[in-house]
Amino acid sequence: MSEFRIDTDRGPDAAADLADAELEYLCGLTLWELAVRTDEPDFADYLHRVLDMRRERAAELESVRDHRDRMLFAAEVMRDLAALPTTGS
């Protein structure tokens, strides 16, 4: 098991690191929950769509610096992931 460590010596940047870690954890947990719940015949395609969405949203997150805003953004990403249809469009 890998260890995650936040460099608290960096001051305000440590809060941004924590928000990033929380978003990564929440998205990973959501992917796991969706994998367990879905009955998608082609789950690989569905997983690629979820990962593409996550990658796009992570790029947006780069411009959000305030810790509270990052947590609100993480919640928005979670809602979007949960709303992603499990069947191909």
C-alpha atoms as a PDB file:
ATOM      1  CA  MET A   1       0.000   0.000   0.000  1.00  0.00           C
ATOM      2  CA  SER A   2       1.451   3.363  -1.002  1.00  0.00           C
ATOM      3  CA  GLU A   3       1.694   6.166   1.495  1.00  0.00           C
ATOM      4  CA  PHE A   4       0.275   9.605   0.742  1.00  0.00           C
ATOM      5  CA  ARG A   5       2.062  12.469   2.425  1.00  0.00           C
ATOM      6  CA  ILE A   6       1.204  16.164   2.308  1.00  0.00           C
ATOM      7  CA  ASP A   7       4.134  18.561   2.595  1.00  0.00           C
ATOM      8  CA  THR A   8       2.831  20.856   5.345  1.00  0.00           C
ATOM      9  CA  ASP A   9       5.992  22.964   5.210  1.00  0.00           C
ATOM     10  CA  ARG A  10       4.657  24.554   2.048  1.00  0.00           C
ATOM     11  CA  GLY A  11       2.048  26.577   3.973  1.00  0.00           C
ATOM     12  CA  PRO A  12      -1.037  27.586   1.960  1.00  0.00           C
ATOM     13  CA  ASP A  13      -0.121  25.187  -0.848  1.00  0.00           C
ATOM     14  CA  ALA A  14      -0.663  22.297   1.570  1.00  0.00           C
ATOM     15  CA  ALA A  15      -4.405  23.119   1.620  1.00  0.00           C
ATOM     16  CA  ALA A  16      -4.478  22.854  -2.183  1.00  0.00           C
ATOM     17  CA  ASP A  17      -2.664  19.494  -1.954  1.00  0.00           C
ATOM     18  CA  LEU A  18      -5.234  18.275   0.541  1.00  0.00           C
ATOM     19  CA  ALA A  19      -8.112  19.334  -1.712  1.00  0.00           C
ATOM     20  CA  ASP A  20      -6.466  17.523  -4.634  1.00  0.00           C
ATOM     21  CA  ALA A  21      -6.047  14.387  -2.531  1.00  0.00           C
ATOM     22  CA  GLU A  22      -9.649  14.545  -1.363  1.00  0.00           C
ATOM     23  CA  LEU A  23     -10.921  14.973  -4.912  1.00  0.00           C
ATOM     24  CA  GLU A  24      -8.774  12.067  -6.115  1.00  0.00           C
ATOM     25  CA  TYR A  25     -10.055   9.872  -3.289  1.00  0.00           C
ATOM     26  CA  LEU A  26     -13.704  10.831  -3.824  1.00  0.00           C
ATOM     27  CA  CYS A  27     -13.489  10.237  -7.581  1.00  0.00           C
ATOM     28  CA  GLY A  28     -11.771   6.904  -7.047  1.00  0.00           C
ATOM     29  CA  LEU A  29     -14.401   5.868  -4.531  1.00  0.00           C
ATOM     30  CA  THR A  30     -17.161   6.909  -6.923  1.00  0.00           C
ATOM     31  CA  LEU A  31     -15.591   4.851  -9.713  1.00  0.00           C
ATOM     32  CA  TRP A  32     -15.509   1.836  -7.416  1.00  0.00           C
ATOM     33  CA  GLU A  33     -19.147   2.338  -6.367  1.00  0.00           C
ATOM     34  CA  LEU A  34     -20.239   2.735  -9.980  1.00  0.00           C
ATOM     35  CA  ALA A  35     -18.305  -0.375 -10.988  1.00  0.00           C
ATOM     36  CA  VAL A  36     -20.093  -2.376  -8.316  1.00  0.00           C
ATOM     37  CA  ARG A  37     -23.552  -1.029  -9.161  1.00  0.00           C
ATOM     38  CA  THR A  38     -23.527  -0.979 -12.945  1.00  0.00           C
ATOM     39  CA  ASP A  39     -24.779  -3.826 -15.082  1.00  0.00           C
ATOM     40  CA  GLU A  40     -23.278  -2.254 -18.206  1.00  0.00           C
ATOM     41  CA  PRO A  41     -22.534  -5.065 -20.688  1.00  0.00           C
ATOM     42  CA  ASP A  42     -19.459  -3.192 -21.931  1.00  0.00           C
ATOM     43  CA  PHE A  43     -18.132  -1.829 -18.659  1.00  0.00           C
ATOM     44  CA  ALA A  44     -14.754  -0.949 -20.208  1.00  0.00           C
ATOM     45  CA  ASP A  45     -16.439   1.623 -22.482  1.00  0.00           C
ATOM     46  CA  TYR A  46     -18.358   3.040 -19.535  1.00  0.00           C
ATOM     47  CA  LEU A  47     -15.206   3.249 -17.427  1.00  0.00           C
ATOM     48  CA  HIS A  48     -13.402   5.093 -20.237  1.00  0.00           C
ATOM     49  CA  ARG A  49     -16.235   7.640 -20.373  1.00  0.00           C
ATOM     50  CA  VAL A  50     -16.028   8.162 -16.607  1.00  0.00           C
ATOM     51  CA  LEU A  51     -12.238   8.527 -16.727  1.00  0.00           C
ATOM     52  CA  ASP A  52     -12.449  10.969 -19.646  1.00  0.00           C
ATOM     53  CA  MET A  53     -14.901  13.093 -17.695  1.00  0.00           C
ATOM     54  CA  ARG A  54     -12.689  12.947 -14.625  1.00  0.00           C
ATOM     55  CA  ARG A  55      -9.632  13.972 -16.654  1.00  0.00           C
ATOM     56  CA  GLU A  56     -11.487  16.939 -18.175  1.00  0.00           C
ATOM     57  CA  ARG A  57     -12.747  18.085 -14.788  1.00  0.00           C
ATOM     58  CA  ALA A  58      -9.276  17.691 -13.238  1.00  0.00           C
ATOM     59  CA  ALA A  59      -7.950  20.091 -15.889  1.00  0.00           C
ATOM     60  CA  GLU A  60     -10.622  22.606 -14.845  1.00  0.00           C
ATOM     61  CA  LEU A  61      -9.637  22.169 -11.198  1.00  0.00           C
ATOM     62  CA  GLU A  62      -6.146  23.491 -11.940  1.00  0.00           C
ATOM     63  CA  SER A  63      -7.561  27.037 -12.094  1.00  0.00           C
ATOM     64  CA  VAL A  64      -9.363  26.762  -8.728  1.00  0.00           C
ATOM     65  CA  ARG A  65      -7.032  27.726  -5.886  1.00  0.00           C
ATOM     66  CA  ASP A  66      -9.280  28.469  -2.882  1.00  0.00           C
ATOM     67  CA  HIS A  67      -9.683  25.405  -0.636  1.00  0.00           C
ATOM     68  CA  ARG A  68     -13.444  25.898  -0.121  1.00  0.00           C
ATOM     69  CA  ASP A  69     -13.982  26.382  -3.852  1.00  0.00           C
ATOM     70  CA  ARG A  70     -11.995  23.211  -4.550  1.00  0.00           C
ATOM     71  CA  MET A  71     -14.235  21.230  -2.202  1.00  0.00           C
ATOM     72  CA  LEU A  72     -17.369  22.676  -3.868  1.00  0.00           C
ATOM     73  CA  PHE A  73     -15.871  21.753  -7.231  1.00  0.00           C
ATOM     74  CA  ALA A  74     -15.198  18.221  -5.973  1.00  0.00           C
ATOM     75  CA  ALA A  75     -18.849  17.918  -4.929  1.00  0.00           C
ATOM     76  CA  GLU A  76     -19.922  19.113  -8.383  1.00  0.00           C
ATOM     77  CA  VAL A  77     -17.698  16.514 -10.043  1.00  0.00           C
ATOM     78  CA  MET A  78     -19.202  13.824  -7.815  1.00  0.00           C
ATOM     79  CA  ARG A  79     -22.732  14.820  -8.878  1.00  0.00           C
ATOM     80  CA  ASP A  80     -21.686  14.790 -12.540  1.00  0.00           C
ATOM     81  CA  LEU A  81     -20.074  11.362 -12.226  1.00  0.00           C
ATOM     82  CA  ALA A  82     -23.146   9.968 -10.502  1.00  0.00           C
ATOM     83  CA  ALA A  83     -25.369  11.372 -13.271  1.00  0.00           C
ATOM     84  CA  LEU A  84     -23.286   9.910 -16.096  1.00  0.00           C
ATOM     85  CA  PRO A  85     -25.478   7.413 -17.953  1.00  0.00           C
ATOM     86  CA  THR A  86     -24.318   3.833 -17.754  1.00  0.00           C
ATOM     87  CA  THR A  87     -25.322   3.074 -21.341  1.00  0.00           C
ATOM     88  CA  GLY A  88     -23.513   4.323 -24.446  1.00  0.00           C
ATOM     89  CA  SER A  89     -24.806   7.483 -26.047  1.00  0.00           C
END
